N, C-alpha and C. Protein backbone atom coordinates (compact mmCIF):
# COMPACT_ATOMS: atom_id res chain seq x y z
N MET A 1 -34.14 -245.38 -4.63
CA MET A 1 -34.58 -244.13 -5.18
C MET A 1 -33.79 -243.87 -6.46
N VAL A 2 -34.46 -243.58 -7.51
CA VAL A 2 -33.84 -243.36 -8.80
C VAL A 2 -33.38 -241.91 -8.91
N GLY A 3 -32.15 -241.72 -9.39
CA GLY A 3 -31.69 -240.37 -9.71
C GLY A 3 -31.06 -239.59 -8.57
N VAL A 4 -31.05 -240.09 -7.36
CA VAL A 4 -30.45 -239.36 -6.25
C VAL A 4 -29.48 -240.29 -5.55
N SER A 5 -28.20 -239.93 -5.56
CA SER A 5 -27.20 -240.79 -4.90
C SER A 5 -27.42 -240.77 -3.40
N GLY A 6 -26.91 -241.79 -2.72
CA GLY A 6 -27.07 -241.88 -1.27
C GLY A 6 -26.52 -240.68 -0.54
N ALA A 7 -25.33 -240.22 -0.90
CA ALA A 7 -24.72 -239.07 -0.23
C ALA A 7 -25.53 -237.80 -0.46
N ARG A 8 -25.98 -237.60 -1.68
CA ARG A 8 -26.77 -236.40 -1.98
C ARG A 8 -28.11 -236.43 -1.27
N SER A 9 -28.76 -237.59 -1.21
CA SER A 9 -30.07 -237.65 -0.56
C SER A 9 -29.95 -237.46 0.95
N ARG A 10 -28.83 -237.92 1.56
CA ARG A 10 -28.66 -237.75 3.00
C ARG A 10 -28.46 -236.28 3.38
N SER A 11 -27.89 -235.49 2.48
CA SER A 11 -27.66 -234.08 2.79
C SER A 11 -28.92 -233.24 2.58
N ARG A 12 -29.90 -233.81 1.95
CA ARG A 12 -31.16 -233.09 1.70
C ARG A 12 -32.19 -233.47 2.76
N LEU A 13 -33.10 -232.56 2.98
CA LEU A 13 -34.15 -232.75 3.97
C LEU A 13 -35.39 -233.32 3.30
N TRP A 14 -35.94 -234.38 3.88
CA TRP A 14 -37.21 -234.92 3.39
C TRP A 14 -38.35 -234.08 3.94
N VAL A 15 -39.26 -233.67 3.06
CA VAL A 15 -40.44 -232.91 3.46
C VAL A 15 -41.66 -233.53 2.81
N GLY A 16 -42.82 -233.22 3.38
CA GLY A 16 -44.08 -233.65 2.80
C GLY A 16 -44.62 -232.59 1.85
N TRP A 17 -45.81 -232.82 1.33
CA TRP A 17 -46.39 -231.88 0.37
C TRP A 17 -46.85 -230.58 1.04
N ARG A 18 -46.93 -230.59 2.37
CA ARG A 18 -47.19 -229.36 3.13
C ARG A 18 -46.32 -229.39 4.38
N GLU A 19 -45.82 -228.22 4.76
CA GLU A 19 -44.89 -228.13 5.88
C GLU A 19 -45.07 -226.81 6.62
N TRP A 20 -44.65 -226.79 7.89
CA TRP A 20 -44.57 -225.55 8.65
C TRP A 20 -43.21 -224.92 8.37
N VAL A 21 -43.20 -223.66 8.05
CA VAL A 21 -41.95 -222.94 7.81
C VAL A 21 -41.99 -221.62 8.58
N ALA A 22 -40.83 -221.00 8.72
CA ALA A 22 -40.73 -219.68 9.35
C ALA A 22 -39.98 -218.76 8.40
N LEU A 23 -40.30 -217.48 8.50
CA LEU A 23 -39.60 -216.42 7.76
C LEU A 23 -39.09 -215.44 8.81
N PRO A 24 -37.97 -215.77 9.47
CA PRO A 24 -37.55 -215.04 10.67
C PRO A 24 -37.28 -213.55 10.47
N THR A 25 -36.67 -213.14 9.38
CA THR A 25 -36.38 -211.71 9.22
C THR A 25 -37.63 -210.91 8.91
N LEU A 26 -38.70 -211.57 8.50
CA LEU A 26 -39.98 -210.88 8.29
C LEU A 26 -40.84 -210.90 9.55
N GLY A 27 -40.43 -211.67 10.56
CA GLY A 27 -41.20 -211.75 11.79
C GLY A 27 -42.30 -212.79 11.74
N VAL A 28 -42.28 -213.67 10.74
CA VAL A 28 -43.28 -214.72 10.62
C VAL A 28 -42.71 -215.98 11.26
N ALA A 29 -43.17 -216.28 12.47
CA ALA A 29 -42.62 -217.40 13.25
C ALA A 29 -43.08 -218.75 12.73
N ARG A 30 -44.26 -218.78 12.10
CA ARG A 30 -44.82 -220.05 11.65
C ARG A 30 -45.89 -219.78 10.62
N ILE A 31 -45.76 -220.44 9.46
CA ILE A 31 -46.77 -220.33 8.41
C ILE A 31 -46.81 -221.66 7.68
N LYS A 32 -48.02 -222.11 7.33
CA LYS A 32 -48.16 -223.37 6.62
C LYS A 32 -47.89 -223.13 5.14
N ALA A 33 -46.98 -223.92 4.57
CA ALA A 33 -46.62 -223.76 3.16
C ALA A 33 -46.96 -225.02 2.39
N LYS A 34 -47.44 -224.83 1.17
CA LYS A 34 -47.61 -225.94 0.24
C LYS A 34 -46.29 -226.10 -0.49
N VAL A 35 -45.73 -227.30 -0.43
CA VAL A 35 -44.48 -227.60 -1.13
C VAL A 35 -44.89 -228.05 -2.53
N ASP A 36 -44.65 -227.18 -3.51
CA ASP A 36 -45.21 -227.35 -4.85
C ASP A 36 -44.13 -227.52 -5.90
N THR A 37 -43.85 -228.77 -6.27
CA THR A 37 -42.84 -229.02 -7.29
C THR A 37 -43.30 -228.59 -8.68
N GLY A 38 -44.57 -228.28 -8.82
CA GLY A 38 -45.10 -227.81 -10.10
C GLY A 38 -44.94 -226.32 -10.30
N ALA A 39 -44.58 -225.61 -9.25
CA ALA A 39 -44.40 -224.15 -9.34
C ALA A 39 -42.92 -223.82 -9.33
N ALA A 40 -42.49 -222.99 -10.25
CA ALA A 40 -41.07 -222.59 -10.28
C ALA A 40 -40.76 -221.62 -9.15
N THR A 41 -41.64 -220.66 -8.92
CA THR A 41 -41.37 -219.60 -7.94
C THR A 41 -42.16 -219.84 -6.66
N SER A 42 -41.67 -219.26 -5.59
CA SER A 42 -42.35 -219.30 -4.30
C SER A 42 -43.18 -218.04 -4.14
N ALA A 43 -44.27 -218.14 -3.40
CA ALA A 43 -45.17 -217.00 -3.22
C ALA A 43 -45.60 -216.89 -1.77
N LEU A 44 -45.78 -215.66 -1.31
CA LEU A 44 -46.23 -215.38 0.05
C LEU A 44 -47.47 -214.52 0.00
N HIS A 45 -48.45 -214.87 0.82
CA HIS A 45 -49.66 -214.06 0.94
C HIS A 45 -49.29 -212.69 1.52
N ALA A 46 -49.60 -211.64 0.80
CA ALA A 46 -49.28 -210.29 1.26
C ALA A 46 -50.44 -209.36 0.91
N ILE A 47 -50.79 -208.50 1.88
CA ILE A 47 -51.82 -207.49 1.64
C ILE A 47 -51.25 -206.12 2.00
N HIS A 48 -51.95 -205.09 1.57
CA HIS A 48 -51.51 -203.71 1.81
C HIS A 48 -50.06 -203.52 1.37
N VAL A 49 -49.75 -204.02 0.19
CA VAL A 49 -48.40 -203.94 -0.36
C VAL A 49 -48.14 -202.51 -0.83
N ARG A 50 -47.04 -201.93 -0.33
CA ARG A 50 -46.69 -200.55 -0.69
C ARG A 50 -45.20 -200.49 -1.01
N ARG A 51 -44.92 -200.15 -2.25
CA ARG A 51 -43.53 -200.02 -2.70
C ARG A 51 -43.08 -198.58 -2.49
N TYR A 52 -41.82 -198.40 -2.05
CA TYR A 52 -41.31 -197.05 -1.82
C TYR A 52 -39.79 -197.05 -1.94
N ARG A 53 -39.20 -195.85 -2.00
CA ARG A 53 -37.74 -195.69 -2.06
C ARG A 53 -37.26 -195.18 -0.70
N ASP A 54 -36.15 -195.74 -0.23
CA ASP A 54 -35.56 -195.32 1.03
C ASP A 54 -34.05 -195.19 0.82
N ASN A 55 -33.56 -193.95 0.80
CA ASN A 55 -32.13 -193.70 0.56
C ASN A 55 -31.62 -194.42 -0.68
N GLY A 56 -32.40 -194.36 -1.75
CA GLY A 56 -31.99 -194.96 -3.02
C GLY A 56 -32.25 -196.45 -3.15
N THR A 57 -32.80 -197.06 -2.10
CA THR A 57 -33.09 -198.50 -2.12
C THR A 57 -34.58 -198.72 -2.36
N ASP A 58 -34.90 -199.62 -3.27
CA ASP A 58 -36.28 -199.99 -3.56
C ASP A 58 -36.76 -200.92 -2.45
N ARG A 59 -37.80 -200.53 -1.71
CA ARG A 59 -38.30 -201.29 -0.56
C ARG A 59 -39.79 -201.55 -0.72
N VAL A 60 -40.30 -202.45 0.12
CA VAL A 60 -41.73 -202.74 0.14
C VAL A 60 -42.16 -202.97 1.59
N SER A 61 -43.33 -202.45 1.92
CA SER A 61 -43.97 -202.77 3.20
C SER A 61 -45.25 -203.53 2.87
N PHE A 62 -45.57 -204.49 3.71
CA PHE A 62 -46.77 -205.30 3.49
C PHE A 62 -47.16 -205.98 4.78
N GLU A 63 -48.34 -206.56 4.77
CA GLU A 63 -48.84 -207.30 5.94
C GLU A 63 -49.10 -208.74 5.54
N VAL A 64 -48.89 -209.62 6.50
CA VAL A 64 -49.15 -211.05 6.31
C VAL A 64 -50.10 -211.50 7.41
N HIS A 65 -51.13 -212.23 7.03
CA HIS A 65 -51.97 -212.96 7.98
C HIS A 65 -51.50 -214.41 7.89
N PRO A 66 -50.63 -214.85 8.79
CA PRO A 66 -50.01 -216.18 8.63
C PRO A 66 -50.96 -217.36 8.81
N VAL A 67 -52.11 -217.13 9.43
CA VAL A 67 -53.06 -218.23 9.66
C VAL A 67 -54.16 -218.16 8.60
N GLN A 68 -54.34 -219.26 7.88
CA GLN A 68 -55.34 -219.33 6.82
C GLN A 68 -56.74 -219.05 7.37
N ARG A 69 -57.52 -218.29 6.63
CA ARG A 69 -58.91 -217.94 6.97
C ARG A 69 -59.02 -217.25 8.33
N CYS A 70 -57.98 -216.51 8.72
CA CYS A 70 -57.99 -215.80 9.99
C CYS A 70 -57.24 -214.48 9.84
N THR A 71 -57.90 -213.39 10.18
CA THR A 71 -57.24 -212.08 10.09
C THR A 71 -56.88 -211.55 11.48
N GLY A 72 -57.01 -212.39 12.50
CA GLY A 72 -56.73 -211.96 13.86
C GLY A 72 -55.26 -211.71 14.14
N THR A 73 -54.39 -212.39 13.42
CA THR A 73 -52.95 -212.20 13.58
C THR A 73 -52.41 -211.51 12.34
N THR A 74 -51.78 -210.37 12.54
CA THR A 74 -51.19 -209.62 11.42
C THR A 74 -49.73 -209.37 11.71
N VAL A 75 -48.88 -209.68 10.74
CA VAL A 75 -47.45 -209.40 10.85
C VAL A 75 -47.12 -208.30 9.85
N HIS A 76 -46.56 -207.19 10.34
CA HIS A 76 -46.15 -206.08 9.49
C HIS A 76 -44.72 -206.34 9.04
N CYS A 77 -44.48 -206.30 7.74
CA CYS A 77 -43.18 -206.68 7.18
C CYS A 77 -42.58 -205.56 6.34
N LEU A 78 -41.26 -205.51 6.32
CA LEU A 78 -40.48 -204.61 5.46
C LEU A 78 -39.40 -205.45 4.79
N ALA A 79 -39.14 -205.18 3.51
CA ALA A 79 -38.09 -205.92 2.80
C ALA A 79 -37.60 -205.10 1.62
N ASP A 80 -36.41 -205.43 1.14
CA ASP A 80 -35.90 -204.85 -0.09
C ASP A 80 -36.55 -205.55 -1.27
N VAL A 81 -36.87 -204.79 -2.31
CA VAL A 81 -37.39 -205.36 -3.55
C VAL A 81 -36.18 -205.76 -4.40
N VAL A 82 -36.13 -207.01 -4.83
CA VAL A 82 -35.00 -207.46 -5.66
C VAL A 82 -35.38 -207.57 -7.13
N ALA A 83 -36.68 -207.61 -7.42
CA ALA A 83 -37.13 -207.71 -8.81
C ALA A 83 -38.63 -207.47 -8.87
N GLU A 84 -39.11 -207.36 -10.07
CA GLU A 84 -40.54 -207.34 -10.35
C GLU A 84 -40.73 -208.24 -11.55
N ARG A 85 -41.67 -209.19 -11.45
CA ARG A 85 -41.84 -210.11 -12.57
C ARG A 85 -43.30 -210.44 -12.78
N VAL A 86 -43.59 -210.88 -13.99
CA VAL A 86 -44.94 -211.34 -14.32
C VAL A 86 -44.97 -212.84 -14.08
N VAL A 87 -45.93 -213.26 -13.26
CA VAL A 87 -46.07 -214.68 -12.90
C VAL A 87 -47.39 -215.17 -13.47
N THR A 88 -47.37 -216.35 -14.08
CA THR A 88 -48.58 -216.97 -14.60
C THR A 88 -49.02 -218.05 -13.62
N SER A 89 -50.26 -217.93 -13.14
CA SER A 89 -50.78 -218.90 -12.17
C SER A 89 -51.15 -220.20 -12.86
N SER A 90 -51.50 -221.20 -12.06
CA SER A 90 -51.90 -222.50 -12.61
C SER A 90 -53.18 -222.40 -13.42
N THR A 91 -53.95 -221.33 -13.20
CA THR A 91 -55.19 -221.13 -13.96
C THR A 91 -54.95 -220.30 -15.22
N GLY A 92 -53.70 -219.86 -15.43
CA GLY A 92 -53.38 -219.08 -16.62
C GLY A 92 -53.44 -217.57 -16.41
N HIS A 93 -53.84 -217.14 -15.22
CA HIS A 93 -53.91 -215.70 -14.91
C HIS A 93 -52.50 -215.14 -14.76
N ARG A 94 -52.22 -214.02 -15.45
CA ARG A 94 -50.91 -213.37 -15.37
C ARG A 94 -50.99 -212.17 -14.43
N GLU A 95 -50.00 -212.06 -13.55
CA GLU A 95 -50.00 -210.99 -12.56
C GLU A 95 -48.57 -210.47 -12.38
N ARG A 96 -48.43 -209.14 -12.31
CA ARG A 96 -47.14 -208.52 -12.03
C ARG A 96 -46.95 -208.53 -10.51
N ARG A 97 -45.81 -209.07 -10.05
CA ARG A 97 -45.55 -209.20 -8.61
C ARG A 97 -44.17 -208.66 -8.25
N LEU A 98 -44.09 -208.12 -7.03
CA LEU A 98 -42.80 -207.74 -6.48
C LEU A 98 -42.12 -209.00 -5.94
N VAL A 99 -40.79 -209.02 -6.01
CA VAL A 99 -40.00 -210.15 -5.53
C VAL A 99 -39.08 -209.66 -4.43
N ILE A 100 -39.06 -210.40 -3.32
CA ILE A 100 -38.14 -210.11 -2.21
C ILE A 100 -37.24 -211.32 -1.99
N ARG A 101 -36.15 -211.12 -1.29
CA ARG A 101 -35.28 -212.23 -0.87
C ARG A 101 -35.27 -212.23 0.65
N THR A 102 -35.50 -213.41 1.24
CA THR A 102 -35.54 -213.53 2.69
C THR A 102 -35.14 -214.94 3.11
N PRO A 103 -34.59 -215.10 4.30
CA PRO A 103 -34.29 -216.45 4.77
C PRO A 103 -35.58 -217.22 5.10
N VAL A 104 -35.55 -218.51 4.82
CA VAL A 104 -36.62 -219.42 5.21
C VAL A 104 -36.02 -220.41 6.19
N LEU A 105 -36.83 -220.86 7.14
CA LEU A 105 -36.39 -221.81 8.16
C LEU A 105 -37.33 -223.01 8.13
N ILE A 106 -36.76 -224.18 7.84
CA ILE A 106 -37.53 -225.42 7.82
C ILE A 106 -36.73 -226.46 8.59
N ALA A 107 -37.34 -227.01 9.63
CA ALA A 107 -36.71 -228.06 10.45
C ALA A 107 -35.33 -227.64 10.94
N GLY A 108 -35.20 -226.39 11.32
CA GLY A 108 -33.93 -225.90 11.85
C GLY A 108 -32.90 -225.55 10.78
N ARG A 109 -33.21 -225.79 9.52
CA ARG A 109 -32.30 -225.43 8.43
C ARG A 109 -32.73 -224.09 7.84
N ARG A 110 -31.74 -223.25 7.57
CA ARG A 110 -32.04 -221.88 7.11
C ARG A 110 -31.27 -221.59 5.83
N TRP A 111 -31.97 -221.00 4.85
CA TRP A 111 -31.32 -220.54 3.62
C TRP A 111 -32.17 -219.43 3.01
N SER A 112 -31.57 -218.70 2.09
CA SER A 112 -32.23 -217.55 1.48
C SER A 112 -33.02 -217.98 0.25
N ILE A 113 -34.25 -217.46 0.13
CA ILE A 113 -35.09 -217.74 -1.03
C ILE A 113 -35.69 -216.45 -1.56
N LYS A 114 -36.16 -216.50 -2.80
CA LYS A 114 -36.92 -215.39 -3.37
C LYS A 114 -38.39 -215.73 -3.24
N LEU A 115 -39.19 -214.72 -2.87
CA LEU A 115 -40.63 -214.86 -2.73
C LEU A 115 -41.32 -213.78 -3.53
N THR A 116 -42.37 -214.15 -4.27
CA THR A 116 -43.22 -213.13 -4.87
C THR A 116 -44.32 -212.81 -3.88
N LEU A 117 -44.78 -211.58 -3.90
CA LEU A 117 -45.84 -211.13 -2.98
C LEU A 117 -47.15 -211.05 -3.74
N THR A 118 -48.19 -211.69 -3.20
CA THR A 118 -49.49 -211.72 -3.85
C THR A 118 -50.57 -212.01 -2.82
N ASN A 119 -51.79 -211.64 -3.13
CA ASN A 119 -52.91 -211.94 -2.25
C ASN A 119 -53.34 -213.39 -2.50
N ARG A 120 -53.18 -214.23 -1.49
CA ARG A 120 -53.52 -215.65 -1.59
C ARG A 120 -54.75 -215.99 -0.73
N ASP A 121 -55.61 -214.99 -0.47
CA ASP A 121 -56.80 -215.22 0.35
C ASP A 121 -57.66 -216.37 -0.17
N ASN A 122 -57.78 -216.49 -1.49
CA ASN A 122 -58.64 -217.52 -2.06
C ASN A 122 -57.92 -218.84 -2.29
N MET A 123 -56.67 -218.91 -1.89
CA MET A 123 -55.89 -220.13 -2.09
C MET A 123 -55.88 -220.95 -0.79
N GLY A 124 -55.53 -222.20 -0.89
CA GLY A 124 -55.53 -223.10 0.26
C GLY A 124 -54.41 -222.86 1.25
N PHE A 125 -53.33 -222.21 0.81
CA PHE A 125 -52.17 -222.00 1.67
C PHE A 125 -51.68 -220.56 1.55
N ARG A 126 -51.21 -220.00 2.66
CA ARG A 126 -50.69 -218.63 2.68
C ARG A 126 -49.32 -218.53 2.02
N MET A 127 -48.65 -219.67 1.86
CA MET A 127 -47.34 -219.65 1.22
C MET A 127 -47.19 -220.86 0.31
N LEU A 128 -46.51 -220.64 -0.79
CA LEU A 128 -46.19 -221.69 -1.75
C LEU A 128 -44.67 -221.76 -1.85
N LEU A 129 -44.11 -222.94 -1.62
CA LEU A 129 -42.67 -223.13 -1.75
C LEU A 129 -42.40 -223.81 -3.08
N GLY A 130 -41.79 -223.07 -4.01
CA GLY A 130 -41.57 -223.57 -5.37
C GLY A 130 -40.23 -224.26 -5.56
N ARG A 131 -40.04 -224.78 -6.77
CA ARG A 131 -38.85 -225.58 -7.10
C ARG A 131 -37.54 -224.84 -6.88
N ARG A 132 -37.48 -223.56 -7.25
CA ARG A 132 -36.22 -222.82 -7.11
C ARG A 132 -35.77 -222.74 -5.65
N ALA A 133 -36.70 -222.65 -4.73
CA ALA A 133 -36.37 -222.59 -3.31
C ALA A 133 -35.93 -223.96 -2.77
N MET A 134 -36.41 -225.02 -3.40
CA MET A 134 -36.13 -226.38 -2.94
C MET A 134 -34.85 -226.96 -3.52
N LYS A 135 -34.45 -226.47 -4.68
CA LYS A 135 -33.38 -227.10 -5.47
C LYS A 135 -32.12 -227.36 -4.65
N GLY A 136 -31.71 -228.63 -4.64
CA GLY A 136 -30.49 -229.03 -3.94
C GLY A 136 -30.62 -229.14 -2.44
N ARG A 137 -31.80 -228.85 -1.89
CA ARG A 137 -31.96 -228.83 -0.43
C ARG A 137 -33.04 -229.78 0.08
N LEU A 138 -34.11 -229.94 -0.69
CA LEU A 138 -35.25 -230.71 -0.22
C LEU A 138 -35.58 -231.86 -1.16
N LEU A 139 -36.10 -232.94 -0.58
CA LEU A 139 -36.70 -234.04 -1.33
C LEU A 139 -38.13 -234.14 -0.83
N VAL A 140 -39.08 -234.30 -1.75
CA VAL A 140 -40.50 -234.25 -1.41
C VAL A 140 -41.12 -235.64 -1.48
N ASP A 141 -41.80 -236.01 -0.39
CA ASP A 141 -42.63 -237.21 -0.37
C ASP A 141 -44.06 -236.72 -0.53
N PRO A 142 -44.66 -236.86 -1.73
CA PRO A 142 -45.99 -236.29 -1.96
C PRO A 142 -47.10 -236.97 -1.18
N GLY A 143 -46.82 -238.12 -0.58
CA GLY A 143 -47.83 -238.82 0.20
C GLY A 143 -47.77 -238.50 1.69
N ALA A 144 -46.90 -237.59 2.08
CA ALA A 144 -46.72 -237.28 3.50
C ALA A 144 -46.92 -235.79 3.77
N SER A 145 -47.20 -235.47 5.02
CA SER A 145 -47.37 -234.08 5.46
C SER A 145 -46.55 -233.84 6.72
N TYR A 146 -46.02 -232.65 6.83
CA TYR A 146 -45.34 -232.18 8.05
C TYR A 146 -44.21 -233.10 8.51
N LEU A 147 -43.43 -233.61 7.58
CA LEU A 147 -42.30 -234.47 7.94
C LEU A 147 -41.23 -233.70 8.69
N ALA A 148 -41.11 -232.42 8.41
CA ALA A 148 -40.07 -231.60 9.02
C ALA A 148 -40.43 -231.14 10.43
N GLY A 149 -41.65 -231.38 10.87
CA GLY A 149 -42.07 -230.92 12.19
C GLY A 149 -42.21 -229.41 12.21
N ALA A 150 -41.91 -228.81 13.35
CA ALA A 150 -42.00 -227.36 13.48
C ALA A 150 -40.84 -226.71 12.72
N ALA A 151 -41.01 -225.46 12.35
CA ALA A 151 -40.00 -224.77 11.55
C ALA A 151 -38.64 -224.72 12.23
N ASP A 152 -38.65 -224.65 13.58
CA ASP A 152 -37.38 -224.53 14.31
C ASP A 152 -36.69 -225.87 14.53
N GLY A 153 -37.25 -226.94 13.98
CA GLY A 153 -36.63 -228.25 14.11
C GLY A 153 -37.26 -229.14 15.16
N GLU A 154 -38.12 -228.57 16.00
CA GLU A 154 -38.82 -229.37 17.01
C GLU A 154 -39.96 -230.12 16.33
N PHE A 155 -40.34 -231.25 16.88
CA PHE A 155 -41.45 -232.01 16.34
C PHE A 155 -42.65 -231.83 17.24
N ALA A 156 -43.69 -231.25 16.68
CA ALA A 156 -44.91 -231.00 17.42
C ALA A 156 -45.67 -232.30 17.62
N ALA A 157 -46.54 -232.32 18.62
CA ALA A 157 -47.38 -233.49 18.85
C ALA A 157 -48.21 -233.75 17.60
N GLY A 158 -48.24 -234.97 17.16
CA GLY A 158 -49.03 -235.33 15.99
C GLY A 158 -48.25 -235.28 14.69
N SER A 159 -47.07 -234.69 14.68
CA SER A 159 -46.30 -234.69 13.44
C SER A 159 -45.62 -236.05 13.29
N ARG A 160 -45.37 -236.42 12.04
CA ARG A 160 -44.79 -237.73 11.78
C ARG A 160 -43.38 -237.56 11.22
N ARG A 161 -42.42 -238.16 11.88
CA ARG A 161 -41.05 -238.15 11.35
C ARG A 161 -41.00 -239.09 10.15
N HIS A 162 -40.16 -238.76 9.21
CA HIS A 162 -40.02 -239.59 8.02
C HIS A 162 -39.09 -240.75 8.32
N ARG A 163 -39.44 -241.90 7.82
CA ARG A 163 -38.57 -243.06 7.98
C ARG A 163 -37.28 -242.82 7.22
N SER A 164 -36.19 -243.35 7.74
CA SER A 164 -34.90 -243.19 7.04
C SER A 164 -34.96 -243.91 5.71
N ARG A 165 -34.26 -243.35 4.76
CA ARG A 165 -34.26 -243.91 3.40
C ARG A 165 -32.96 -244.60 3.12
């Protein structure tokens, strides 16, 4: 592998171009994410987004339908707003989005990431994991899927473990 030393690559998790992840503090136990090295920021499908102030803190309430093309499961979420930014999509559309910080869980590993909130109903995945969230932690095999297994580190039936490198 070019550009990644053996010690550095062993400390990083190999993932495929799509993975199961969890957002435990938001109450999202499992959501399919596209691992997108072409996107700088990460995004989460959010509807009914409502920004408000609580004791001087900028907060947001929103709902997530974690299963693509299914509104049967709804997770009600609350988070602190850490920023607001204009994001340009791959199609060139510019949108102002709220940004939250929350832990992500992939294959039993947990770390804090920033997520922009947006309606992703017309997109293939409810969550996009961008480069900033991956930096220093993940290595992507674009030809593989679900290398990390379940978000909690368990390997579901049918998932493929990655061969050692």
